[in-house]
Amino acid sequence: MSTPVVTEKWAGDLSCSVCRRKRLTAAEFSKKAMEKHRNDPNAPMKCKTCVEAAAQQERDVAAAKTAAAGGAAVPATEGPPESHECSSCKSALPATAFSRSNLSKGPGKQRCLGCVKESEQANLTAGDAALKEKLAAAKAAAAQAEACGTAAEKLAAHSKVAAIEGQMVTGLKPVVLGRGGRGRGGRHGGRFGRGAA
């Protein structure tokens, strides 16, 4: 029987440019950050923890501005403060309740800081939970194959577990090689396929 892998103690080869932690796995970064890293390996990366800390700081500053604006009297020469509707919660809120990038999206597309936070948290939690569920199901299938499967079934089941664990470390999804091809030349032949003269 195989020894269980303790995924919490894995070490990767990624680093966060903000907190300077090193040897992080892909699970510490968002999917978008990993795509950016694959396109440019030298680009600085922020881990999920640092991204959330920066977002929280922005929300705190916006909340302080909103509180200050709400407590201050509006001069008679000025009208009421400009309000914007959040496309998610449909609330009319002052500009300070939105990030600059969200305000630049225009009406119907802008979301307040609270809704952005909820959405980001839900996406991170759902992505992590889905991958963990997938790994748990693969481990259960491997245990079943180990108990009563053939050697090929055991190998396939354990390979699937290793592929998912690898995805958690590297951020790369497993690729199945050899589908659709017949021989080295592929389905329609080629230099080494059946169609070669």
N, C-alpha and C. Protein backbone atom coordinates (compact mmCIF):
# COMPACT_ATOMS: atom_id res chain seq x y z
N MET A 1 0.85 -1.19 0.00
CA MET A 1 0.00 0.00 0.00
C MET A 1 0.89 1.24 0.00
N SER A 2 0.47 2.27 -0.73
CA SER A 2 1.30 3.47 -0.88
C SER A 2 1.19 4.36 0.36
N THR A 3 2.27 5.14 0.60
CA THR A 3 2.29 6.07 1.72
C THR A 3 1.56 7.35 1.32
N PRO A 4 0.67 7.87 2.16
CA PRO A 4 -0.05 9.09 1.80
C PRO A 4 0.90 10.28 1.72
N VAL A 5 0.63 11.19 0.80
CA VAL A 5 1.45 12.38 0.61
C VAL A 5 0.85 13.51 1.43
N VAL A 6 1.69 14.21 2.20
CA VAL A 6 1.24 15.34 3.00
C VAL A 6 1.42 16.59 2.15
N THR A 7 0.33 17.03 1.53
CA THR A 7 0.43 18.14 0.57
C THR A 7 0.73 19.48 1.23
N GLU A 8 0.42 19.64 2.52
CA GLU A 8 0.66 20.91 3.20
C GLU A 8 2.16 21.19 3.33
N LYS A 9 3.00 20.16 3.21
CA LYS A 9 4.44 20.36 3.37
C LYS A 9 5.19 20.39 2.04
N TRP A 10 4.45 20.46 0.93
CA TRP A 10 5.10 20.53 -0.36
C TRP A 10 5.87 21.83 -0.50
N ALA A 11 6.90 21.80 -1.32
CA ALA A 11 7.64 23.02 -1.65
C ALA A 11 7.68 23.14 -3.16
N GLY A 12 7.42 24.32 -3.64
CA GLY A 12 7.48 24.58 -5.07
C GLY A 12 8.69 25.43 -5.39
N ASP A 13 8.68 26.07 -6.57
CA ASP A 13 9.81 26.92 -6.93
C ASP A 13 9.37 28.35 -7.24
N LEU A 14 8.22 28.76 -6.68
CA LEU A 14 7.69 30.09 -6.93
C LEU A 14 7.95 31.00 -5.72
N SER A 15 8.02 32.31 -5.99
CA SER A 15 8.26 33.29 -4.94
C SER A 15 7.25 34.42 -5.05
N CYS A 16 6.92 35.02 -3.90
CA CYS A 16 6.04 36.19 -3.87
C CYS A 16 6.91 37.43 -3.83
N SER A 17 6.63 38.40 -4.70
CA SER A 17 7.44 39.61 -4.77
C SER A 17 7.11 40.59 -3.65
N VAL A 18 6.02 40.36 -2.92
CA VAL A 18 5.63 41.29 -1.86
C VAL A 18 6.13 40.80 -0.50
N CYS A 19 5.70 39.61 -0.08
CA CYS A 19 6.10 39.10 1.24
C CYS A 19 7.44 38.37 1.20
N ARG A 20 7.97 38.15 0.00
CA ARG A 20 9.30 37.54 -0.21
C ARG A 20 9.39 36.08 0.22
N ARG A 21 8.24 35.43 0.41
CA ARG A 21 8.30 34.00 0.73
C ARG A 21 8.76 33.25 -0.51
N LYS A 22 9.53 32.20 -0.33
CA LYS A 22 10.07 31.43 -1.44
C LYS A 22 9.60 29.99 -1.36
N ARG A 23 9.85 29.25 -2.43
CA ARG A 23 9.52 27.82 -2.51
C ARG A 23 8.01 27.59 -2.31
N LEU A 24 7.19 28.47 -2.90
CA LEU A 24 5.74 28.34 -2.81
C LEU A 24 5.22 27.48 -3.95
N THR A 25 4.10 26.81 -3.71
CA THR A 25 3.47 26.02 -4.76
C THR A 25 2.47 26.89 -5.52
N ALA A 26 2.00 26.39 -6.65
CA ALA A 26 1.05 27.13 -7.47
C ALA A 26 -0.27 27.37 -6.73
N ALA A 27 -0.59 26.52 -5.77
CA ALA A 27 -1.84 26.68 -5.01
C ALA A 27 -1.84 27.97 -4.21
N GLU A 28 -0.66 28.58 -3.96
CA GLU A 28 -0.56 29.83 -3.22
C GLU A 28 -0.89 31.05 -4.09
N PHE A 29 -1.03 30.84 -5.41
CA PHE A 29 -1.26 31.94 -6.34
C PHE A 29 -2.57 31.74 -7.09
N SER A 30 -3.12 32.83 -7.59
CA SER A 30 -4.37 32.75 -8.36
C SER A 30 -4.09 32.16 -9.74
N LYS A 31 -5.14 31.70 -10.39
CA LYS A 31 -5.02 31.15 -11.73
C LYS A 31 -4.48 32.21 -12.70
N LYS A 32 -4.94 33.44 -12.52
CA LYS A 32 -4.50 34.55 -13.38
C LYS A 32 -3.01 34.81 -13.19
N ALA A 33 -2.54 34.76 -11.94
CA ALA A 33 -1.12 34.98 -11.66
C ALA A 33 -0.27 33.88 -12.29
N MET A 34 -0.76 32.64 -12.26
CA MET A 34 -0.01 31.53 -12.86
C MET A 34 0.05 31.66 -14.38
N GLU A 35 -1.04 32.10 -14.99
CA GLU A 35 -1.04 32.31 -16.44
C GLU A 35 -0.04 33.40 -16.82
N LYS A 36 -0.01 34.47 -16.03
CA LYS A 36 0.94 35.57 -16.26
C LYS A 36 2.37 35.06 -16.12
N HIS A 37 2.60 34.20 -15.12
CA HIS A 37 3.94 33.65 -14.90
C HIS A 37 4.38 32.75 -16.06
N ARG A 38 3.43 31.98 -16.60
CA ARG A 38 3.79 31.12 -17.73
C ARG A 38 4.14 31.94 -18.97
N ASN A 39 3.46 33.09 -19.14
CA ASN A 39 3.76 33.97 -20.28
C ASN A 39 5.07 34.72 -20.09
N ASP A 40 5.38 35.10 -18.85
CA ASP A 40 6.62 35.82 -18.54
C ASP A 40 7.15 35.34 -17.20
N PRO A 41 8.07 34.35 -17.20
CA PRO A 41 8.58 33.78 -15.95
C PRO A 41 9.30 34.80 -15.06
N ASN A 42 9.74 35.93 -15.61
CA ASN A 42 10.45 36.93 -14.81
C ASN A 42 9.53 37.99 -14.22
N ALA A 43 8.25 37.94 -14.56
CA ALA A 43 7.30 38.93 -14.03
C ALA A 43 7.10 38.71 -12.54
N PRO A 44 7.02 39.80 -11.75
CA PRO A 44 6.80 39.63 -10.31
C PRO A 44 5.42 39.04 -10.04
N MET A 45 5.34 38.21 -9.00
CA MET A 45 4.08 37.55 -8.65
C MET A 45 3.69 37.90 -7.23
N LYS A 46 2.37 38.00 -6.98
CA LYS A 46 1.84 38.22 -5.64
C LYS A 46 1.05 37.00 -5.23
N CYS A 47 1.31 36.48 -4.04
CA CYS A 47 0.55 35.33 -3.55
C CYS A 47 -0.86 35.77 -3.17
N LYS A 48 -1.75 34.81 -2.99
CA LYS A 48 -3.15 35.10 -2.64
C LYS A 48 -3.24 35.90 -1.34
N THR A 49 -2.38 35.59 -0.39
CA THR A 49 -2.41 36.28 0.90
C THR A 49 -2.10 37.76 0.74
N CYS A 50 -1.08 38.08 -0.07
CA CYS A 50 -0.69 39.48 -0.27
C CYS A 50 -1.73 40.23 -1.11
N VAL A 51 -2.33 39.55 -2.08
CA VAL A 51 -3.38 40.18 -2.89
C VAL A 51 -4.56 40.53 -2.00
N GLU A 52 -4.94 39.61 -1.13
CA GLU A 52 -6.08 39.87 -0.23
C GLU A 52 -5.74 40.98 0.76
N ALA A 53 -4.49 41.02 1.26
CA ALA A 53 -4.09 42.07 2.20
C ALA A 53 -4.14 43.44 1.53
N ALA A 54 -3.70 43.54 0.27
CA ALA A 54 -3.74 44.81 -0.47
C ALA A 54 -5.18 45.23 -0.72
N ALA A 55 -6.03 44.27 -1.08
CA ALA A 55 -7.45 44.57 -1.32
C ALA A 55 -8.11 45.04 -0.03
N GLN A 56 -7.77 44.40 1.08
CA GLN A 56 -8.35 44.80 2.38
C GLN A 56 -7.91 46.21 2.75
N GLN A 57 -6.65 46.54 2.47
CA GLN A 57 -6.15 47.88 2.76
C GLN A 57 -6.91 48.92 1.93
N GLU A 58 -7.14 48.60 0.65
CA GLU A 58 -7.90 49.51 -0.22
C GLU A 58 -9.33 49.68 0.30
N ARG A 59 -9.94 48.58 0.76
CA ARG A 59 -11.29 48.68 1.30
C ARG A 59 -11.32 49.52 2.57
N ASP A 60 -10.29 49.36 3.42
CA ASP A 60 -10.23 50.14 4.66
C ASP A 60 -10.10 51.64 4.37
N VAL A 61 -9.25 51.98 3.38
CA VAL A 61 -9.08 53.39 3.01
C VAL A 61 -10.40 53.95 2.47
N ALA A 62 -11.07 53.17 1.62
CA ALA A 62 -12.34 53.61 1.05
C ALA A 62 -13.39 53.77 2.15
N ALA A 63 -13.41 52.85 3.12
CA ALA A 63 -14.38 52.95 4.21
C ALA A 63 -14.10 54.19 5.06
N ALA A 64 -12.82 54.50 5.28
CA ALA A 64 -12.47 55.68 6.05
C ALA A 64 -12.90 56.96 5.32
N LYS A 65 -12.71 56.97 3.99
CA LYS A 65 -13.13 58.13 3.19
C LYS A 65 -14.65 58.28 3.23
N THR A 66 -15.36 57.16 3.14
CA THR A 66 -16.83 57.20 3.18
C THR A 66 -17.30 57.72 4.53
N ALA A 67 -16.68 57.26 5.60
CA ALA A 67 -17.06 57.70 6.94
C ALA A 67 -16.77 59.19 7.11
N ALA A 68 -15.63 59.64 6.59
CA ALA A 68 -15.26 61.05 6.69
C ALA A 68 -16.22 61.91 5.86
N ALA A 69 -16.58 61.44 4.68
CA ALA A 69 -17.49 62.19 3.82
C ALA A 69 -18.89 62.21 4.40
N GLY A 70 -19.30 61.12 5.04
CA GLY A 70 -20.64 61.04 5.63
C GLY A 70 -20.78 61.93 6.84
N GLY A 71 -19.69 62.12 7.56
CA GLY A 71 -19.73 62.94 8.77
C GLY A 71 -19.54 64.42 8.49
N ALA A 72 -18.98 64.76 7.34
CA ALA A 72 -18.72 66.18 7.03
C ALA A 72 -19.94 66.79 6.36
N ALA A 73 -20.16 68.05 6.64
CA ALA A 73 -21.28 68.77 6.01
C ALA A 73 -20.92 69.10 4.57
N VAL A 74 -21.88 68.99 3.68
CA VAL A 74 -21.66 69.30 2.27
C VAL A 74 -21.85 70.80 2.08
N PRO A 75 -20.84 71.50 1.50
CA PRO A 75 -20.99 72.95 1.29
C PRO A 75 -22.22 73.24 0.44
N ALA A 76 -22.81 74.43 0.66
CA ALA A 76 -24.04 74.80 -0.04
C ALA A 76 -23.83 74.92 -1.54
N THR A 77 -22.60 75.26 -1.97
CA THR A 77 -22.33 75.42 -3.40
C THR A 77 -22.31 74.09 -4.12
N GLU A 78 -22.03 73.04 -3.39
CA GLU A 78 -21.96 71.71 -4.01
C GLU A 78 -23.30 71.01 -3.88
N GLY A 79 -23.58 70.13 -4.84
CA GLY A 79 -24.78 69.32 -4.75
C GLY A 79 -24.51 68.12 -3.88
N PRO A 80 -25.43 67.19 -3.84
CA PRO A 80 -25.20 65.97 -3.08
C PRO A 80 -24.04 65.19 -3.71
N PRO A 81 -23.33 64.38 -2.92
CA PRO A 81 -22.21 63.63 -3.48
C PRO A 81 -22.69 62.67 -4.57
N GLU A 82 -21.84 62.52 -5.58
CA GLU A 82 -22.19 61.66 -6.72
C GLU A 82 -22.29 60.21 -6.26
N SER A 83 -23.34 59.53 -6.70
CA SER A 83 -23.48 58.12 -6.32
C SER A 83 -23.43 57.25 -7.57
N HIS A 84 -23.00 56.02 -7.36
CA HIS A 84 -22.87 55.04 -8.44
C HIS A 84 -23.58 53.77 -8.01
N GLU A 85 -24.20 53.10 -8.97
CA GLU A 85 -24.90 51.86 -8.65
C GLU A 85 -23.97 50.68 -8.85
N CYS A 86 -23.92 49.82 -7.85
CA CYS A 86 -23.13 48.59 -7.94
C CYS A 86 -23.90 47.59 -8.80
N SER A 87 -23.23 47.01 -9.77
CA SER A 87 -23.92 46.07 -10.67
C SER A 87 -24.27 44.75 -9.98
N SER A 88 -23.63 44.47 -8.84
CA SER A 88 -23.93 43.21 -8.13
C SER A 88 -25.05 43.39 -7.10
N CYS A 89 -24.85 44.30 -6.15
CA CYS A 89 -25.84 44.44 -5.07
C CYS A 89 -26.91 45.50 -5.38
N LYS A 90 -26.74 46.23 -6.48
CA LYS A 90 -27.71 47.25 -6.94
C LYS A 90 -27.88 48.41 -5.97
N SER A 91 -26.92 48.60 -5.06
CA SER A 91 -26.98 49.71 -4.11
C SER A 91 -26.39 50.97 -4.74
N ALA A 92 -26.97 52.12 -4.44
CA ALA A 92 -26.41 53.41 -4.87
C ALA A 92 -25.42 53.84 -3.79
N LEU A 93 -24.15 53.89 -4.16
CA LEU A 93 -23.09 54.17 -3.18
C LEU A 93 -22.22 55.32 -3.66
N PRO A 94 -21.53 56.00 -2.72
CA PRO A 94 -20.62 57.07 -3.13
C PRO A 94 -19.39 56.50 -3.86
N ALA A 95 -18.70 57.36 -4.58
CA ALA A 95 -17.53 56.92 -5.36
C ALA A 95 -16.47 56.27 -4.49
N THR A 96 -16.40 56.68 -3.22
CA THR A 96 -15.39 56.12 -2.32
C THR A 96 -15.62 54.65 -2.01
N ALA A 97 -16.80 54.12 -2.32
CA ALA A 97 -17.10 52.71 -2.07
C ALA A 97 -16.65 51.82 -3.23
N PHE A 98 -16.02 52.42 -4.24
CA PHE A 98 -15.54 51.69 -5.42
C PHE A 98 -14.05 51.93 -5.60
N SER A 99 -13.36 50.98 -6.18
CA SER A 99 -11.96 51.20 -6.55
C SER A 99 -11.94 52.04 -7.82
N ARG A 100 -10.80 52.68 -8.08
CA ARG A 100 -10.69 53.51 -9.29
C ARG A 100 -10.89 52.67 -10.55
N SER A 101 -10.31 51.47 -10.55
CA SER A 101 -10.44 50.62 -11.75
C SER A 101 -11.89 50.20 -11.99
N ASN A 102 -12.64 49.98 -10.92
CA ASN A 102 -14.04 49.60 -11.09
C ASN A 102 -14.88 50.78 -11.55
N LEU A 103 -14.61 51.98 -11.05
CA LEU A 103 -15.34 53.16 -11.50
C LEU A 103 -15.11 53.43 -12.98
N SER A 104 -13.90 53.12 -13.46
CA SER A 104 -13.58 53.39 -14.87
C SER A 104 -14.32 52.46 -15.83
N LYS A 105 -14.91 51.38 -15.31
CA LYS A 105 -15.65 50.44 -16.16
C LYS A 105 -16.98 51.02 -16.64
N GLY A 106 -17.50 52.00 -15.90
CA GLY A 106 -18.74 52.64 -16.31
C GLY A 106 -19.97 51.97 -15.73
N PRO A 107 -21.12 52.66 -15.87
CA PRO A 107 -22.38 52.15 -15.31
C PRO A 107 -22.73 50.76 -15.84
N GLY A 108 -23.27 49.95 -14.95
CA GLY A 108 -23.69 48.60 -15.34
C GLY A 108 -22.59 47.57 -15.23
N LYS A 109 -21.34 48.02 -15.06
CA LYS A 109 -20.22 47.08 -14.97
C LYS A 109 -19.42 47.25 -13.69
N GLN A 110 -19.64 48.34 -12.98
CA GLN A 110 -18.84 48.61 -11.78
C GLN A 110 -19.42 47.91 -10.55
N ARG A 111 -18.51 47.37 -9.74
CA ARG A 111 -18.92 46.68 -8.51
C ARG A 111 -18.25 47.34 -7.32
N CYS A 112 -18.97 47.44 -6.22
CA CYS A 112 -18.42 48.06 -5.01
C CYS A 112 -17.35 47.15 -4.39
N LEU A 113 -16.57 47.74 -3.51
CA LEU A 113 -15.47 47.00 -2.88
C LEU A 113 -15.96 45.78 -2.10
N GLY A 114 -17.11 45.90 -1.45
CA GLY A 114 -17.66 44.77 -0.69
C GLY A 114 -18.01 43.60 -1.58
N CYS A 115 -18.65 43.89 -2.72
CA CYS A 115 -19.03 42.82 -3.65
C CYS A 115 -17.81 42.19 -4.32
N VAL A 116 -16.80 43.02 -4.61
CA VAL A 116 -15.57 42.50 -5.19
C VAL A 116 -14.90 41.54 -4.22
N LYS A 117 -14.85 41.92 -2.94
CA LYS A 117 -14.24 41.07 -1.92
C LYS A 117 -14.97 39.73 -1.81
N GLU A 118 -16.29 39.78 -1.75
CA GLU A 118 -17.08 38.55 -1.65
C GLU A 118 -16.84 37.64 -2.85
N SER A 119 -16.81 38.24 -4.04
CA SER A 119 -16.61 37.48 -5.26
C SER A 119 -15.23 36.82 -5.29
N GLU A 120 -14.20 37.60 -4.92
CA GLU A 120 -12.84 37.05 -4.90
C GLU A 120 -12.72 35.91 -3.91
N GLN A 121 -13.28 36.10 -2.72
CA GLN A 121 -13.23 35.05 -1.70
C GLN A 121 -13.96 33.79 -2.17
N ALA A 122 -15.12 33.98 -2.79
CA ALA A 122 -15.90 32.83 -3.28
C ALA A 122 -15.14 32.08 -4.36
N ASN A 123 -14.50 32.82 -5.28
CA ASN A 123 -13.74 32.18 -6.36
C ASN A 123 -12.55 31.40 -5.82
N LEU A 124 -11.81 32.01 -4.88
CA LEU A 124 -10.65 31.32 -4.31
C LEU A 124 -11.07 30.07 -3.56
N THR A 125 -12.11 30.20 -2.75
CA THR A 125 -12.58 29.07 -1.95
C THR A 125 -13.12 27.95 -2.85
N ALA A 126 -13.90 28.34 -3.87
CA ALA A 126 -14.49 27.33 -4.76
C ALA A 126 -13.41 26.59 -5.54
N GLY A 127 -12.40 27.33 -6.04
CA GLY A 127 -11.33 26.70 -6.81
C GLY A 127 -10.51 25.74 -5.97
N ASP A 128 -10.15 26.17 -4.76
CA ASP A 128 -9.38 25.32 -3.86
C ASP A 128 -10.19 24.09 -3.45
N ALA A 129 -11.46 24.31 -3.12
CA ALA A 129 -12.31 23.21 -2.67
C ALA A 129 -12.54 22.19 -3.79
N ALA A 130 -12.73 22.68 -5.01
CA ALA A 130 -12.96 21.77 -6.14
C ALA A 130 -11.74 20.88 -6.38
N LEU A 131 -10.55 21.47 -6.31
CA LEU A 131 -9.33 20.68 -6.53
C LEU A 131 -9.12 19.67 -5.39
N LYS A 132 -9.43 20.07 -4.17
CA LYS A 132 -9.29 19.15 -3.03
C LYS A 132 -10.29 18.00 -3.13
N GLU A 133 -11.52 18.31 -3.57
CA GLU A 133 -12.52 17.25 -3.76
C GLU A 133 -12.08 16.28 -4.86
N LYS A 134 -11.53 16.83 -5.93
CA LYS A 134 -11.06 16.00 -7.04
C LYS A 134 -9.93 15.08 -6.56
N LEU A 135 -9.03 15.62 -5.73
CA LEU A 135 -7.94 14.81 -5.19
C LEU A 135 -8.47 13.73 -4.26
N ALA A 136 -9.43 14.07 -3.41
CA ALA A 136 -10.01 13.09 -2.48
C ALA A 136 -10.69 11.95 -3.25
N ALA A 137 -11.42 12.31 -4.32
CA ALA A 137 -12.08 11.27 -5.13
C ALA A 137 -11.06 10.38 -5.82
N ALA A 138 -9.98 10.98 -6.32
CA ALA A 138 -8.93 10.20 -6.99
C ALA A 138 -8.24 9.27 -6.00
N LYS A 139 -8.01 9.74 -4.77
CA LYS A 139 -7.38 8.90 -3.74
C LYS A 139 -8.29 7.74 -3.36
N ALA A 140 -9.60 8.00 -3.29
CA ALA A 140 -10.56 6.93 -2.97
C ALA A 140 -10.56 5.88 -4.08
N ALA A 141 -10.52 6.34 -5.33
CA ALA A 141 -10.48 5.41 -6.47
C ALA A 141 -9.18 4.61 -6.47
N ALA A 142 -8.08 5.25 -6.07
CA ALA A 142 -6.80 4.55 -6.00
C ALA A 142 -6.82 3.49 -4.90
N ALA A 143 -7.45 3.82 -3.78
CA ALA A 143 -7.54 2.84 -2.68
C ALA A 143 -8.40 1.65 -3.10
N GLN A 144 -9.47 1.92 -3.85
CA GLN A 144 -10.32 0.84 -4.33
C GLN A 144 -9.56 -0.03 -5.34
N ALA A 145 -8.82 0.60 -6.23
CA ALA A 145 -8.03 -0.15 -7.22
C ALA A 145 -6.95 -0.96 -6.53
N GLU A 146 -6.37 -0.41 -5.49
CA GLU A 146 -5.33 -1.11 -4.73
C GLU A 146 -5.90 -2.37 -4.08
N ALA A 147 -7.14 -2.28 -3.63
CA ALA A 147 -7.77 -3.41 -2.94
C ALA A 147 -8.18 -4.53 -3.88
N CYS A 148 -8.72 -4.18 -5.04
CA CYS A 148 -9.26 -5.26 -5.88
C CYS A 148 -9.05 -5.03 -7.38
N GLY A 149 -8.15 -4.17 -7.78
CA GLY A 149 -7.97 -3.89 -9.20
C GLY A 149 -6.79 -4.63 -9.80
N THR A 150 -6.73 -4.58 -11.12
CA THR A 150 -5.59 -5.18 -11.82
C THR A 150 -4.41 -4.22 -11.73
N ALA A 151 -3.26 -4.67 -12.18
CA ALA A 151 -2.06 -3.83 -12.14
C ALA A 151 -2.26 -2.58 -12.98
N ALA A 152 -2.91 -2.72 -14.13
CA ALA A 152 -3.16 -1.56 -15.01
C ALA A 152 -4.11 -0.57 -14.34
N GLU A 153 -5.14 -1.07 -13.66
CA GLU A 153 -6.09 -0.19 -12.97
C GLU A 153 -5.42 0.54 -11.81
N LYS A 154 -4.54 -0.18 -11.09
CA LYS A 154 -3.80 0.46 -9.99
C LYS A 154 -2.91 1.56 -10.52
N LEU A 155 -2.20 1.27 -11.60
CA LEU A 155 -1.30 2.26 -12.20
C LEU A 155 -2.08 3.49 -12.67
N ALA A 156 -3.21 3.27 -13.33
CA ALA A 156 -4.02 4.39 -13.83
C ALA A 156 -4.55 5.24 -12.68
N ALA A 157 -5.02 4.57 -11.62
CA ALA A 157 -5.59 5.31 -10.48
C ALA A 157 -4.53 6.13 -9.76
N HIS A 158 -3.36 5.53 -9.54
CA HIS A 158 -2.28 6.25 -8.85
C HIS A 158 -1.70 7.35 -9.74
N SER A 159 -1.70 7.14 -11.03
CA SER A 159 -1.24 8.18 -11.96
C SER A 159 -2.15 9.40 -11.90
N LYS A 160 -3.45 9.15 -11.78
CA LYS A 160 -4.41 10.26 -11.69
C LYS A 160 -4.18 11.06 -10.40
N VAL A 161 -3.93 10.36 -9.30
CA VAL A 161 -3.64 11.04 -8.03
C VAL A 161 -2.39 11.90 -8.18
N ALA A 162 -1.34 11.32 -8.77
CA ALA A 162 -0.08 12.06 -8.95
C ALA A 162 -0.27 13.28 -9.85
N ALA A 163 -1.10 13.14 -10.88
CA ALA A 163 -1.34 14.26 -11.80
C ALA A 163 -2.04 15.42 -11.08
N ILE A 164 -3.02 15.10 -10.23
CA ILE A 164 -3.74 16.15 -9.50
C ILE A 164 -2.82 16.80 -8.47
N GLU A 165 -2.02 15.99 -7.78
CA GLU A 165 -1.06 16.54 -6.82
C GLU A 165 -0.05 17.43 -7.53
N GLY A 166 0.38 17.01 -8.72
CA GLY A 166 1.30 17.82 -9.51
C GLY A 166 0.67 19.15 -9.92
N GLN A 167 -0.62 19.11 -10.23
CA GLN A 167 -1.33 20.34 -10.60
C GLN A 167 -1.36 21.31 -9.42
N MET A 168 -1.52 20.77 -8.21
CA MET A 168 -1.55 21.63 -7.03
C MET A 168 -0.21 22.30 -6.79
N VAL A 169 0.88 21.63 -7.15
CA VAL A 169 2.22 22.18 -6.95
C VAL A 169 2.60 23.14 -8.07
N THR A 170 2.38 22.74 -9.31
CA THR A 170 2.86 23.52 -10.46
C THR A 170 1.83 24.45 -11.05
N GLY A 171 0.54 24.17 -10.84
CA GLY A 171 -0.51 24.97 -11.46
C GLY A 171 -0.82 24.54 -12.87
N LEU A 172 -0.15 23.53 -13.36
CA LEU A 172 -0.36 23.03 -14.72
C LEU A 172 -1.31 21.85 -14.69
N LYS A 173 -2.30 21.89 -15.57
CA LYS A 173 -3.24 20.77 -15.64
C LYS A 173 -2.58 19.61 -16.36
N PRO A 174 -2.93 18.38 -15.99
CA PRO A 174 -2.34 17.22 -16.66
C PRO A 174 -2.78 17.14 -18.12
N VAL A 175 -1.87 16.66 -18.96
CA VAL A 175 -2.15 16.52 -20.38
C VAL A 175 -2.04 15.04 -20.74
N VAL A 176 -3.05 14.52 -21.42
CA VAL A 176 -3.03 13.13 -21.85
C VAL A 176 -2.38 13.09 -23.23
N LEU A 177 -1.30 12.37 -23.33
CA LEU A 177 -0.58 12.28 -24.60
C LEU A 177 -1.04 11.08 -25.41
N GLY A 178 -0.95 11.20 -26.72
CA GLY A 178 -1.19 10.06 -27.59
C GLY A 178 -2.61 9.86 -28.03
N ARG A 179 -3.52 10.77 -27.70
CA ARG A 179 -4.91 10.58 -28.12
C ARG A 179 -5.06 10.86 -29.61
N GLY A 180 -5.80 10.00 -30.29
CA GLY A 180 -6.14 10.24 -31.68
C GLY A 180 -5.10 9.84 -32.68
N GLY A 181 -3.90 9.59 -32.25
CA GLY A 181 -2.83 9.27 -33.20
C GLY A 181 -2.69 7.79 -33.41
N ARG A 182 -2.24 7.39 -34.59
CA ARG A 182 -1.93 5.99 -34.87
C ARG A 182 -0.50 5.94 -35.34
N GLY A 183 0.34 5.52 -34.48
CA GLY A 183 1.75 5.50 -34.85
C GLY A 183 2.33 6.89 -34.74
N ARG A 184 3.57 7.04 -35.13
CA ARG A 184 4.27 8.30 -34.97
C ARG A 184 3.79 9.34 -35.96
N GLY A 185 3.17 8.92 -37.05
CA GLY A 185 2.74 9.88 -38.07
C GLY A 185 1.35 10.41 -37.84
N GLY A 186 0.66 9.96 -36.80
CA GLY A 186 -0.68 10.43 -36.55
C GLY A 186 -1.71 9.63 -37.32
N ARG A 187 -2.95 10.06 -37.22
CA ARG A 187 -4.07 9.34 -37.82
C ARG A 187 -3.95 9.23 -39.33
N HIS A 188 -3.49 10.29 -39.98
CA HIS A 188 -3.45 10.31 -41.44
C HIS A 188 -2.09 9.95 -42.01
N GLY A 189 -1.26 9.42 -41.18
CA GLY A 189 0.07 9.07 -41.67
C GLY A 189 0.97 10.27 -41.64
N GLY A 190 2.12 10.12 -42.15
CA GLY A 190 3.11 11.19 -42.13
C GLY A 190 4.43 10.58 -42.51
N ARG A 191 5.50 11.18 -42.05
CA ARG A 191 6.80 10.67 -42.42
C ARG A 191 6.99 9.23 -41.95
N PHE A 192 6.49 8.92 -40.74
CA PHE A 192 6.64 7.56 -40.22
C PHE A 192 5.31 6.82 -40.15
N GLY A 193 4.21 7.43 -40.60
CA GLY A 193 2.91 6.80 -40.50
C GLY A 193 2.65 5.89 -41.69
N ARG A 194 1.43 5.38 -41.73
CA ARG A 194 1.06 4.43 -42.78
C ARG A 194 1.04 5.09 -44.15
N GLY A 195 0.86 6.42 -44.18
CA GLY A 195 0.77 7.09 -45.47
C GLY A 195 2.13 7.36 -46.09
N ALA A 196 3.23 7.07 -45.39
CA ALA A 196 4.55 7.34 -45.94
C ALA A 196 4.86 6.34 -47.01
N ALA A 197 5.50 6.80 -48.05
CA ALA A 197 5.82 5.93 -49.18
C ALA A 197 7.12 5.22 -48.95
